[in-house]
Protein backbone atom coordinates (compact mmCIF):
# COMPACT_ATOMS: atom_id res chain seq x y z
CA UNK A 1 138.43 80.06 49.31
CA UNK A 2 141.03 82.86 49.83
CA UNK A 3 144.20 80.74 49.89
CA UNK A 4 146.04 82.95 47.26
CA UNK A 5 145.59 85.96 49.62
CA UNK A 6 147.18 84.00 52.45
CA UNK A 7 150.23 83.12 50.34
CA UNK A 8 150.55 86.73 49.18
CA UNK A 9 150.44 87.99 52.76
CA UNK A 10 153.30 85.69 53.70
CA UNK A 11 155.38 87.10 50.85
CA UNK A 12 154.66 90.67 51.85
CA UNK A 13 155.86 90.02 55.41
CA UNK A 14 159.39 89.15 54.20
CA UNK A 15 162.06 91.86 54.22
CA UNK A 16 162.58 93.81 50.92
CA UNK A 17 165.06 92.18 48.66
CA UNK A 18 165.30 89.06 50.80
CA UNK A 19 163.77 85.77 49.68
CA UNK A 20 161.85 83.56 52.09
CA UNK A 21 164.33 80.81 51.44
CA UNK A 22 167.11 82.90 53.08
CA UNK A 23 165.42 83.11 56.53
CA UNK A 24 162.91 81.28 58.75
CA UNK A 25 159.79 83.19 59.75
CA UNK A 26 157.69 82.07 62.73
CA UNK A 27 154.17 83.45 62.48
CA UNK A 28 151.35 82.73 64.95
CA UNK A 29 147.60 83.07 64.52
CA UNK A 30 145.09 83.13 67.37
CA UNK A 31 141.76 81.36 67.09
CA UNK A 32 139.34 82.79 69.68
CA UNK A 33 136.46 80.58 70.76
CA UNK A 34 133.69 82.34 72.64
CA UNK A 35 131.45 80.55 75.15
CA UNK A 36 128.54 80.82 72.71
CA UNK A 37 130.50 79.28 69.80
CA UNK A 38 129.82 75.74 68.64
CA UNK A 39 133.07 73.95 69.41
CA UNK A 40 132.17 70.78 67.54
CA UNK A 41 131.35 72.79 64.43
CA UNK A 42 134.60 74.77 64.72
CA UNK A 43 136.62 71.56 64.89
CA UNK A 44 134.78 70.10 61.89
CA UNK A 45 135.43 73.22 59.81
CA UNK A 46 139.17 73.31 60.66
CA UNK A 47 139.37 69.59 59.76
CA UNK A 48 137.64 70.41 56.49
CA UNK A 49 140.16 73.18 55.76
CA UNK A 50 143.02 70.77 56.51
CA UNK A 51 141.63 68.21 54.09
CA UNK A 52 141.20 70.92 51.44
CA UNK A 53 144.83 72.03 51.91
CA UNK A 54 146.00 68.45 51.43
CA UNK A 55 143.79 67.89 48.40
CA UNK A 56 144.97 71.11 46.75
CA UNK A 57 148.61 70.34 47.63
CA UNK A 58 149.10 73.68 49.35
CA UNK A 59 152.44 74.56 50.92
CA UNK A 60 153.62 72.20 53.64
CA UNK A 61 153.76 74.95 56.25
CA UNK A 62 150.08 75.76 55.62
CA UNK A 63 149.15 72.11 55.99
CA UNK A 64 151.23 71.83 59.20
CA UNK A 65 149.63 75.02 60.59
CA UNK A 66 146.10 73.69 60.02
CA UNK A 67 147.10 70.27 61.36
CA UNK A 68 148.48 71.88 64.54
CA UNK A 69 145.27 73.90 64.98
CA UNK A 70 143.17 70.76 64.54
CA UNK A 71 145.28 68.93 67.11
CA UNK A 72 144.80 71.68 69.68
CA UNK A 73 141.05 71.70 69.08
CA UNK A 74 141.00 67.92 69.47
CA UNK A 75 142.76 68.18 72.84
CA UNK A 76 140.25 70.82 73.93
CA UNK A 77 137.37 68.51 72.93
CA UNK A 78 138.91 65.57 74.80
CA UNK A 79 139.38 67.68 77.95
CA UNK A 80 135.78 68.88 77.79
CA UNK A 81 134.61 65.28 77.46
CA UNK A 82 136.62 64.23 80.53
CA UNK A 83 135.13 67.11 82.55
CA UNK A 84 131.61 66.17 81.46
CA UNK A 85 132.15 62.51 82.38
CA UNK A 86 133.55 63.60 85.73
CA UNK A 87 130.41 65.65 86.37
CA UNK A 88 128.28 62.58 85.71
CA UNK A 89 130.34 60.25 87.89
CA UNK A 90 130.71 62.63 90.84
CA UNK A 91 127.73 61.95 93.09
CA UNK A 92 126.35 65.15 94.63
CA UNK A 93 126.46 65.25 98.41
CA UNK A 94 123.86 68.03 98.72
CA UNK A 95 120.39 68.55 97.29
CA UNK A 96 121.19 72.05 96.04
CA UNK A 97 124.28 73.48 94.35
CA UNK A 98 126.26 76.02 96.39
CA UNK A 99 124.67 78.97 94.59
CA UNK A 100 121.24 78.09 95.99
CA UNK A 101 122.16 76.43 99.28
CA UNK A 102 120.43 77.64 102.45
CA UNK A 103 122.43 77.53 105.68
CA UNK A 104 121.99 74.33 107.68
CA UNK A 105 120.67 74.30 111.27
CA UNK A 106 122.45 71.42 113.06
CA UNK A 107 121.83 73.02 116.47
CA UNK A 108 118.11 72.23 116.14
CA UNK A 109 118.71 68.48 116.08
CA UNK A 110 116.94 66.37 118.70
CA UNK A 111 119.24 66.04 121.71
CA UNK A 112 118.11 62.47 122.34
CA UNK A 113 116.89 59.90 119.82
CA UNK A 114 114.02 57.95 121.38
CA UNK A 115 112.71 56.17 118.27
CA UNK A 116 113.61 52.49 118.14
CA UNK A 117 116.40 51.58 115.75
CA UNK A 118 117.01 48.62 113.48
CA UNK A 119 119.88 47.69 111.18
CA UNK A 120 119.19 47.47 107.45
CA UNK A 121 120.30 43.83 107.31
CA UNK A 122 117.92 42.94 110.14
CA UNK A 123 115.03 44.64 108.34
CA UNK A 124 115.79 42.78 105.11
CA UNK A 125 115.96 39.48 107.00
CA UNK A 126 112.57 40.23 108.61
CA UNK A 127 110.94 40.88 105.23
CA UNK A 128 112.48 37.82 103.62
CA UNK A 129 111.01 35.67 106.42
CA UNK A 130 107.52 36.79 105.36
CA UNK A 131 106.95 39.53 107.93
CA UNK A 132 105.98 43.10 107.02
CA UNK A 133 106.91 46.60 108.23
CA UNK A 134 103.78 47.16 110.30
CA UNK A 135 105.58 47.84 113.57
CA UNK A 136 103.81 48.94 116.74
CA UNK A 137 105.93 52.09 116.92
CA UNK A 138 108.08 54.17 114.54
CA UNK A 139 111.38 52.62 113.49
CA UNK A 140 114.60 54.31 112.36
CA UNK A 141 116.79 52.27 110.01
CA UNK A 142 120.19 53.95 109.97
CA UNK A 143 122.41 53.57 106.91
CA UNK A 144 119.56 52.08 104.88
CA UNK A 145 121.78 52.47 101.81
CA UNK A 146 122.57 48.79 102.40
CA UNK A 147 119.09 48.09 101.04
CA UNK A 148 120.33 49.40 97.67
CA UNK A 149 123.14 48.20 95.48
CA UNK A 150 126.06 50.63 95.55
CA UNK A 151 125.33 51.79 92.00
CA UNK A 152 121.60 52.21 92.63
CA UNK A 153 122.10 54.49 95.63
CA UNK A 154 124.61 56.62 93.72
CA UNK A 155 122.19 56.90 90.79
CA UNK A 156 119.36 57.89 93.13
CA UNK A 157 121.44 60.67 94.73
CA UNK A 158 122.57 61.96 91.33
CA UNK A 159 119.14 61.76 89.72
CA UNK A 160 117.26 63.47 92.56
CA UNK A 161 119.53 66.47 92.97
CA UNK A 162 118.08 69.92 92.30
CA UNK A 163 120.61 70.70 89.54
CA UNK A 164 119.59 67.58 87.56
CA UNK A 165 115.87 68.29 87.98
CA UNK A 166 116.30 71.93 86.90
CA UNK A 167 118.19 70.79 83.79
CA UNK A 168 115.35 68.45 82.73
CA UNK A 169 113.64 70.42 79.95
CA UNK A 170 110.49 68.28 79.95
CA UNK A 171 109.99 68.70 83.71
CA UNK A 172 110.70 72.39 83.44
CA UNK A 173 107.91 72.62 80.88
CA UNK A 174 105.32 70.28 82.42
CA UNK A 175 105.90 70.05 86.20
CA UNK A 176 104.18 72.72 88.23
CA UNK A 177 104.78 73.27 91.95
CA UNK A 178 101.87 74.61 94.02
CA UNK A 179 103.55 77.48 95.83
CA UNK A 180 101.85 79.56 98.52
CA UNK A 181 103.63 82.87 99.17
CA UNK A 182 103.70 83.47 102.94
CA UNK A 183 101.78 86.73 102.58
CA UNK A 184 98.97 85.18 100.54
CA UNK A 185 95.82 84.10 102.41
CA UNK A 186 94.45 80.68 101.50
CA UNK A 187 90.87 81.93 101.81
CA UNK A 188 89.09 85.28 101.81
CA UNK A 189 85.61 86.56 102.49
CA UNK A 190 83.57 87.53 99.45
CA UNK A 191 80.43 89.07 100.86
CA UNK A 192 79.23 86.54 103.39
CA UNK A 193 80.92 83.58 101.66
CA UNK A 194 84.36 82.13 102.38
CA UNK A 195 86.14 81.72 99.05
CA UNK A 196 89.19 79.47 98.79
CA UNK A 197 92.19 80.90 96.97
CA UNK A 198 94.42 79.07 94.50
CA UNK A 199 98.19 78.66 94.94
CA UNK A 200 100.66 79.96 92.38
CA UNK A 201 101.73 77.35 89.81
CA UNK A 202 105.48 77.68 89.34
CA UNK A 203 108.16 75.68 87.54
CA UNK A 204 110.73 73.75 89.58
CA UNK A 205 113.51 76.21 88.73
CA UNK A 206 111.32 79.14 89.75
CA UNK A 207 110.52 77.38 93.04
CA UNK A 208 114.25 76.89 93.70
CA UNK A 209 114.93 80.58 93.08
CA UNK A 210 112.04 81.73 95.30
CA UNK A 211 112.67 79.36 98.22
CA UNK A 212 116.44 78.79 98.17
CA UNK A 213 118.24 81.60 96.36
CA UNK A 214 119.53 84.64 98.22
CA UNK A 215 122.19 87.19 97.36
CA UNK A 216 125.64 87.85 98.84
CA UNK A 217 124.20 90.98 100.44
CA UNK A 218 121.04 89.25 101.63
CA UNK A 219 121.46 85.46 101.87
CA UNK A 220 118.39 83.28 102.37
CA UNK A 221 118.25 82.50 106.08
CA UNK A 222 116.53 79.33 107.33
CA UNK A 223 113.46 79.59 109.52
CA UNK A 224 110.79 82.20 108.99
CA UNK A 225 112.07 82.88 105.46
CA UNK A 226 111.77 79.22 104.45
CA UNK A 227 109.25 77.56 106.81
CA UNK A 228 106.46 77.69 104.18
CA UNK A 229 108.51 76.16 101.35
CA UNK A 230 108.25 72.39 101.86
CA UNK A 231 106.60 70.58 98.94
CA UNK A 232 105.02 67.13 98.77
CA UNK A 233 104.72 66.09 95.11
CA UNK A 234 103.30 62.94 93.54
CA UNK A 235 106.37 61.00 92.39
CA UNK A 236 104.64 60.06 89.15
CA UNK A 237 104.52 63.72 88.11
CA UNK A 238 108.31 64.04 88.42
CA UNK A 239 109.32 61.21 86.09
CA UNK A 240 109.09 60.49 82.37
CA UNK A 241 108.31 56.82 83.04
CA UNK A 242 108.32 54.37 85.94
CA UNK A 243 111.88 53.18 85.28
CA UNK A 244 113.11 56.33 87.05
CA UNK A 245 111.53 55.05 90.26
CA UNK A 246 112.78 51.45 90.04
CA UNK A 247 115.85 52.02 92.23
CA UNK A 248 113.54 53.31 94.99
CA UNK A 249 111.45 50.12 95.05
CA UNK A 250 113.56 48.73 97.89
CA UNK A 251 110.94 46.41 99.40
CA UNK A 252 109.95 43.89 96.72
CA UNK A 253 108.83 41.53 99.49
CA UNK A 254 106.00 43.84 100.56
CA UNK A 255 102.48 43.04 99.32
CA UNK A 256 101.32 46.61 98.86
CA UNK A 257 97.79 46.82 97.47
CA UNK A 258 98.05 50.44 96.37
CA UNK A 259 100.10 49.95 93.14
CA UNK A 260 97.57 47.41 91.80
CA UNK A 261 94.65 49.61 92.79
CA UNK A 262 96.22 52.62 91.11
CA UNK A 263 96.82 50.62 87.94
CA UNK A 264 93.20 49.39 87.88
CA UNK A 265 91.88 52.94 88.11
CA UNK A 266 94.20 54.10 85.36
CA UNK A 267 93.26 51.25 83.03
CA UNK A 268 89.53 51.57 83.61
CA UNK A 269 89.44 55.31 83.00
CA UNK A 270 91.65 55.07 79.93
CA UNK A 271 89.45 52.29 78.56
CA UNK A 272 86.39 54.50 79.02
CA UNK A 273 88.05 57.69 77.77
CA UNK A 274 85.83 57.87 74.66
CA UNK A 275 82.53 57.63 76.54
CA UNK A 276 83.23 59.16 79.94
CA UNK A 277 83.19 62.82 78.79
CA UNK A 278 79.59 62.45 77.62
CA UNK A 279 78.65 60.39 80.69
CA UNK A 280 80.19 62.71 83.30
CA UNK A 281 79.43 65.92 81.45
CA UNK A 282 80.87 69.25 82.54
CA UNK A 283 84.42 69.16 83.95
CA UNK A 284 84.84 65.55 82.77
CA UNK A 285 88.59 65.94 82.18
CA UNK A 286 89.17 67.23 85.69
CA UNK A 287 86.95 64.50 87.14
CA UNK A 288 88.84 61.77 85.28
CA UNK A 289 92.21 63.07 86.42
CA UNK A 290 91.08 63.31 90.03
CA UNK A 291 89.51 59.85 90.06
CA UNK A 292 92.41 58.29 88.15
CA UNK A 293 95.01 59.44 90.64
CA UNK A 294 95.61 57.10 93.54
CA UNK A 295 98.84 58.59 94.77
CA UNK A 296 100.97 56.51 97.10
CA UNK A 297 104.53 57.54 96.15
CA UNK A 298 105.83 61.05 96.83
CA UNK A 299 108.89 63.24 96.88
CA UNK A 300 109.17 65.74 99.74
CA UNK A 301 111.66 68.55 99.32
CA UNK A 302 112.41 71.94 100.79
CA UNK A 303 115.11 74.27 102.04
CA UNK A 304 116.65 74.26 105.49
CA UNK A 305 114.01 75.45 107.97
CA UNK A 306 111.01 74.16 106.02
CA UNK A 307 108.44 71.61 107.15
CA UNK A 308 104.70 71.03 107.33
CA UNK A 309 102.55 71.24 110.45
CA UNK A 310 101.83 68.29 112.74
CA UNK A 311 99.57 65.84 110.87
CA UNK A 312 98.68 62.19 110.32
CA UNK A 313 99.21 60.27 107.06
CA UNK A 314 95.60 59.43 106.09
CA UNK A 315 95.60 56.46 108.44
CA UNK A 316 98.16 54.54 106.35
CA UNK A 317 101.66 53.44 107.38
CA UNK A 318 104.55 54.72 105.29
CA UNK A 319 108.32 54.70 104.98
CA UNK A 320 110.53 57.67 104.16
CA UNK A 321 114.09 57.43 102.80
CA UNK A 322 116.14 60.65 102.97
CA UNK A 323 118.12 61.10 99.74
CA UNK A 324 119.81 64.40 100.57
CA UNK A 325 119.87 66.60 103.64
CA UNK A 326 119.03 66.22 107.31
CA UNK A 327 115.71 66.15 109.21
CA UNK A 328 114.37 66.15 112.74
CA UNK A 329 111.21 64.14 113.45
CA UNK A 330 108.72 64.13 116.32
CA UNK A 331 106.00 61.48 116.43
CA UNK A 332 103.13 60.80 118.80
CA UNK A 333 100.08 58.52 118.84
CA UNK A 334 96.61 59.79 118.21
CA UNK A 335 95.42 59.43 121.83
CA UNK A 336 98.34 61.54 123.12
CA UNK A 337 97.71 64.09 120.39
CA UNK A 338 94.05 64.42 121.36
CA UNK A 339 94.84 64.56 125.09
CA UNK A 340 97.26 67.45 124.71
CA UNK A 341 95.18 69.17 122.03
CA UNK A 342 92.23 69.53 124.41
CA UNK A 343 94.41 71.60 126.73
CA UNK A 344 96.67 73.45 124.32
CA UNK A 345 94.93 73.94 121.00
CA UNK A 346 93.34 77.29 121.75
CA UNK A 347 96.34 78.57 123.66
CA UNK A 348 99.05 77.54 121.19
CA UNK A 349 97.40 76.39 117.94
CA UNK A 350 100.37 74.02 117.83
CA UNK A 351 98.66 71.78 115.26
CA UNK A 352 98.52 74.69 112.78
CA UNK A 353 102.07 76.01 113.04
CA UNK A 354 104.99 75.18 110.77
CA UNK A 355 107.57 72.60 111.76
CA UNK A 356 110.12 75.35 112.39
CA UNK A 357 107.87 77.21 114.85
CA UNK A 358 106.82 73.92 116.44
CA UNK A 359 110.39 72.97 117.35
CA UNK A 360 111.58 76.55 117.98
CA UNK A 361 108.75 77.65 120.30
CA UNK A 362 105.81 75.28 120.78
CA UNK A 363 107.46 72.01 121.83
CA UNK A 364 108.95 73.35 125.06
CA UNK A 365 105.60 74.87 126.08
CA UNK A 366 103.74 71.65 125.27
CA UNK A 367 106.09 69.68 127.51
CA UNK A 368 106.38 72.12 130.40
CA UNK A 369 102.89 73.64 130.52
CA UNK A 370 100.55 71.11 128.92
CA UNK A 371 102.05 67.77 129.93
CA UNK A 372 103.20 66.34 126.61
CA UNK A 373 104.97 63.11 127.56
CA UNK A 374 104.42 60.22 125.16
CA UNK A 375 106.30 61.25 122.06
CA UNK A 376 109.32 59.99 120.16
CA UNK A 377 112.08 61.87 118.35
CA UNK A 378 114.63 61.03 115.70
CA UNK A 379 117.35 62.70 113.65
CA UNK A 380 117.35 61.45 110.07
CA UNK A 381 120.48 61.77 107.93
CA UNK A 382 120.88 61.11 104.22
CA UNK A 383 120.56 57.37 103.68
CA UNK A 384 118.43 56.82 106.81
CA UNK A 385 114.97 55.28 106.55
CA UNK A 386 112.11 55.97 108.95
CA UNK A 387 109.02 53.75 109.12
CA UNK A 388 105.83 55.24 110.60
CA UNK A 389 102.88 52.96 111.50
CA UNK A 390 99.26 53.99 111.00
CA UNK A 391 97.69 56.03 113.79
CA UNK A 392 100.75 58.19 114.45
CA UNK A 393 100.96 61.96 114.05
CA UNK A 394 104.25 63.40 112.86
CA UNK A 395 106.07 66.65 112.22
CA UNK A 396 109.44 66.83 110.48
CA UNK A 397 111.78 69.78 110.00
CA UNK A 398 114.50 70.06 107.35
CA UNK A 399 117.76 70.97 109.09
CA UNK A 400 119.48 71.29 105.70
CA UNK A 401 118.21 71.48 102.12
CA UNK A 402 116.52 68.11 101.78
CA UNK A 403 114.68 65.73 99.48
CA UNK A 404 113.17 62.40 100.50
CA UNK A 405 111.06 59.70 98.88
CA UNK A 406 108.18 58.21 100.80
CA UNK A 407 105.65 55.53 100.01
CA UNK A 408 102.40 54.71 101.77
CA UNK A 409 101.65 51.04 102.38
CA UNK A 410 98.38 49.14 102.51
CA UNK A 411 98.91 45.45 103.23
CA UNK A 412 96.52 44.62 106.09
CA UNK A 413 92.90 43.53 105.77
CA UNK A 414 91.71 45.84 108.50
CA UNK A 415 93.27 48.86 106.79
CA UNK A 416 91.69 47.98 103.44
CA UNK A 417 88.29 47.53 105.06
CA UNK A 418 88.54 50.91 106.82
CA UNK A 419 89.55 52.70 103.60
CA UNK A 420 86.65 51.16 101.66
CA UNK A 421 84.15 52.00 104.41
CA UNK A 422 85.38 55.61 104.51
CA UNK A 423 84.95 55.99 100.76
CA UNK A 424 81.86 53.90 100.03
CA UNK A 425 79.58 53.13 102.98
CA UNK A 426 79.86 54.33 106.56
CA UNK A 427 76.48 55.73 107.64
CA UNK A 428 77.63 56.57 111.16
CA UNK A 429 80.09 59.07 109.60
CA UNK A 430 77.73 60.38 106.90
CA UNK A 431 79.18 58.27 104.07
CA UNK A 432 76.26 57.00 101.96
CA UNK A 433 77.82 56.81 98.47
CA UNK A 434 76.88 53.14 97.97
CA UNK A 435 73.20 54.14 98.07
CA UNK A 436 73.58 55.69 94.60
CA UNK A 437 73.71 52.13 93.23
CA UNK A 438 70.09 51.40 94.26
CA UNK A 439 66.68 52.84 93.67
CA UNK A 440 64.07 53.18 96.41
CA UNK A 441 62.97 49.54 95.97
CA UNK A 442 66.45 48.11 96.49
CA UNK A 443 67.63 50.01 99.54
CA UNK A 444 67.25 46.99 101.81
CA UNK A 445 70.25 45.47 100.00
CA UNK A 446 72.47 48.06 101.68
CA UNK A 447 74.47 46.73 104.67
CA UNK A 448 72.68 47.25 107.97
CA UNK A 449 69.58 48.87 106.42
CA UNK A 450 66.22 47.35 107.35
CA UNK A 451 63.03 48.19 105.55
CA UNK A 452 60.89 50.53 107.63
CA UNK A 453 63.79 51.79 109.79
CA UNK A 454 64.42 55.51 110.25
CA UNK A 455 67.56 55.37 108.11
CA UNK A 456 65.70 53.44 105.41
CA UNK A 457 62.94 56.04 105.27
CA UNK A 458 65.46 58.90 105.16
CA UNK A 459 67.45 57.26 102.36
CA UNK A 460 64.27 56.54 100.39
CA UNK A 461 63.37 60.21 100.52
CA UNK A 462 66.91 61.39 99.77
CA UNK A 463 67.45 59.05 96.82
CA UNK A 464 64.29 60.31 95.16
CA UNK A 465 65.61 63.89 95.12
CA UNK A 466 69.11 63.17 93.82
CA UNK A 467 69.95 64.69 90.43
CA UNK A 468 70.98 62.31 87.65
CA UNK A 469 74.44 63.84 87.25
CA UNK A 470 75.17 63.46 90.96
CA UNK A 471 73.96 59.85 90.99
CA UNK A 472 75.98 58.89 87.89
CA UNK A 473 79.17 60.43 89.29
CA UNK A 474 78.58 58.68 92.63
CA UNK A 475 78.04 55.28 90.98
CA UNK A 476 81.22 55.66 88.92
CA UNK A 477 83.21 56.46 92.07
CA UNK A 478 81.85 53.33 93.77
CA UNK A 479 82.75 51.22 90.72
CA UNK A 480 86.28 52.60 90.69
CA UNK A 481 86.74 51.93 94.42
CA UNK A 482 85.12 48.51 94.43
CA UNK A 483 86.70 47.43 91.16
CA UNK A 484 90.17 48.32 92.47
CA UNK A 485 89.47 46.14 95.53
CA UNK A 486 88.02 43.13 93.71
CA UNK A 487 90.83 43.21 91.14
CA UNK A 488 93.29 42.28 93.91
CA UNK A 489 91.77 38.82 94.33
CA UNK A 490 93.92 36.92 91.83
CA UNK A 491 97.26 38.30 93.05
CA UNK A 492 96.31 38.31 96.76
CA UNK A 493 93.91 35.38 97.25
CA UNK A 494 94.68 35.15 100.97
CA UNK A 495 92.75 38.38 101.62
CA UNK A 496 89.35 36.80 100.94
CA UNK A 497 88.18 39.92 99.15
CA UNK A 498 84.78 38.67 98.00
CA UNK A 499 83.26 39.21 101.42
CA UNK A 500 85.91 41.27 103.26
CA UNK A 501 84.34 44.66 102.53
CA UNK A 502 81.06 46.10 101.27
CA UNK A 503 82.59 45.88 97.79
CA UNK A 504 81.25 42.41 96.99
CA UNK A 505 80.81 40.93 93.49
CA UNK A 506 77.04 41.45 93.89
CA UNK A 507 77.59 45.15 94.59
CA UNK A 508 79.66 45.47 91.39
CA UNK A 509 76.81 43.98 89.34
CA UNK A 510 74.17 46.11 91.07
CA UNK A 511 76.16 49.32 90.53
CA UNK A 512 76.86 48.57 86.87
CA UNK A 513 73.20 47.76 86.23
CA UNK A 514 72.11 50.96 87.97
CA UNK A 515 74.58 53.02 85.93
CA UNK A 516 73.26 51.48 82.72
CA UNK A 517 69.66 52.23 83.76
CA UNK A 518 70.49 55.84 84.66
CA UNK A 519 72.21 56.39 81.31
CA UNK A 520 69.31 54.92 79.36
CA UNK A 521 66.86 57.12 81.26
CA UNK A 522 69.04 60.08 80.36
CA UNK A 523 68.99 59.14 76.68
CA UNK A 524 72.73 58.47 76.58
CA UNK A 525 74.18 56.39 73.73
CA UNK A 526 77.03 55.07 75.90
CA UNK A 527 77.55 51.31 75.45
CA UNK A 528 79.66 50.72 78.61
CA UNK A 529 81.57 48.09 76.61
CA UNK A 530 84.71 49.18 78.50
CA UNK A 531 83.14 48.39 81.89
CA UNK A 532 83.30 44.64 82.71
CA UNK A 533 79.91 43.00 83.20
CA UNK A 534 81.40 40.41 85.54
CA UNK A 535 83.17 41.61 88.68
CA UNK A 536 86.92 41.98 87.97
CA UNK A 537 89.27 39.66 89.83
CA UNK A 538 92.52 40.94 88.29
CA UNK A 539 93.87 43.62 86.01
CA UNK A 540 93.49 41.13 83.14
CA UNK A 541 89.72 41.44 83.51
CA UNK A 542 89.81 44.77 81.70
CA UNK A 543 88.41 44.50 78.15
CA UNK A 544 90.96 44.69 75.35
CA UNK A 545 90.20 47.86 73.43
CA UNK A 546 91.94 49.93 70.82
CA UNK A 547 94.33 52.69 71.74
CA UNK A 548 92.67 54.86 74.37
CA UNK A 549 93.71 58.30 75.46
CA UNK A 550 96.18 58.39 78.29
CA UNK A 551 95.10 60.25 81.42
CA UNK A 552 98.18 62.42 80.96
CA UNK A 553 96.79 63.51 77.59
CA UNK A 554 93.42 64.59 78.97
């Protein structure tokens, strides 16, 4: 510690022949703190020097000087804390900070809103009376923030802002956005074969830079520069745990089957994580991730001018709440889509163009030249909710940098039956997966298959030529689908699941027995102790095992 040098310097500064006691000297010292310096550490060290000065009974002016410096540092720390708290409490009004913001396009808003509208309170009252959101036509709920508590909506807007997401170190490390540069083809010819290309895997911050960030000399303009940038991302991949999505669960009254089905798949695959790699074989990790994902919650985000082409939502109804930004929607039923498509598809390829080009060029031609009539439009602002029934096509364009949360709903028997048929057994549409669960002698157990019929004879021949690996994978897929259906029975007894679909308890037993037989014939040592012998009727039916690997760890 160089305190003697400090005292000597003070003496040297006095005039020759004059004692310090005869005059008052006012000396100042500047402490420079760079942006890269640790301010907390600086304060701690000054406080330590002050305590040392007191302990060593140094001159009072030295103690006062250090005390004054410590007080100034304390004020600086307090001011920084206030600014940080203010940052947290100020709710962002835009998805992107000003540095990255793309110019909005309010002039492209729909001139007339034709979608039916409902107040948030009326919607809540409808749900509380036992009704659902399966409307006959799309519904716009303006100011749906009333469905949240005031604090919840503010937290949602703060949490799902681009600046917060970019600052999340874990997401920056783990989340990858599938980005297609506009100049990159999605497929190319290799010899005589069409080979599909892979998108670039970029971090969220890199995506923001590529799709939003311009320069003062060349700002990012909405439209053709941004039309390809919209992203639809599984909500689960953007959170550390499900608590981050709790504020968005605004319809507790809805009996949505998808969350329970997703949880069944996850539990079953995690329970079988030790044996499935040897059962499935090559690419087992990828297979388990694909089969374990039953996505039904998504975030959709993109810059002004971005939006996907006209499409349907896999036959399921959904709702979309806009957190930040502004969007224009156009919706039409499947029959109107097909009617117009027959006339206009080759001429316009309107069902393959981006949302920006659809609204900028195609829509007018579809109306004036090809007779598009039965469609509905809406402008969605932040806080607005739009509900889209099944069977409707939609296209939406971001008119400002936007992010929304949407959730698909499956609550009707007819929808569940159609989904199961499409994934398990629908011979008229070339879906024969359930046949993997039977050998040639048991094919008559299949729905609608009579012994000696043409389909029976074809299946008998086809089953005999199926490779073991293909059959085992097919059986496992049926078990996952049927198990996730049967497991709904306890929580939704009114559905009558035991005979609603082809996924009956008898089918579960047949498929499990066939899987066991296939594995034994293969010489596998798998015990299948993780796969319930009796058909599951709830998530509790899963066997209690030791700690299994999480699907996220695979």
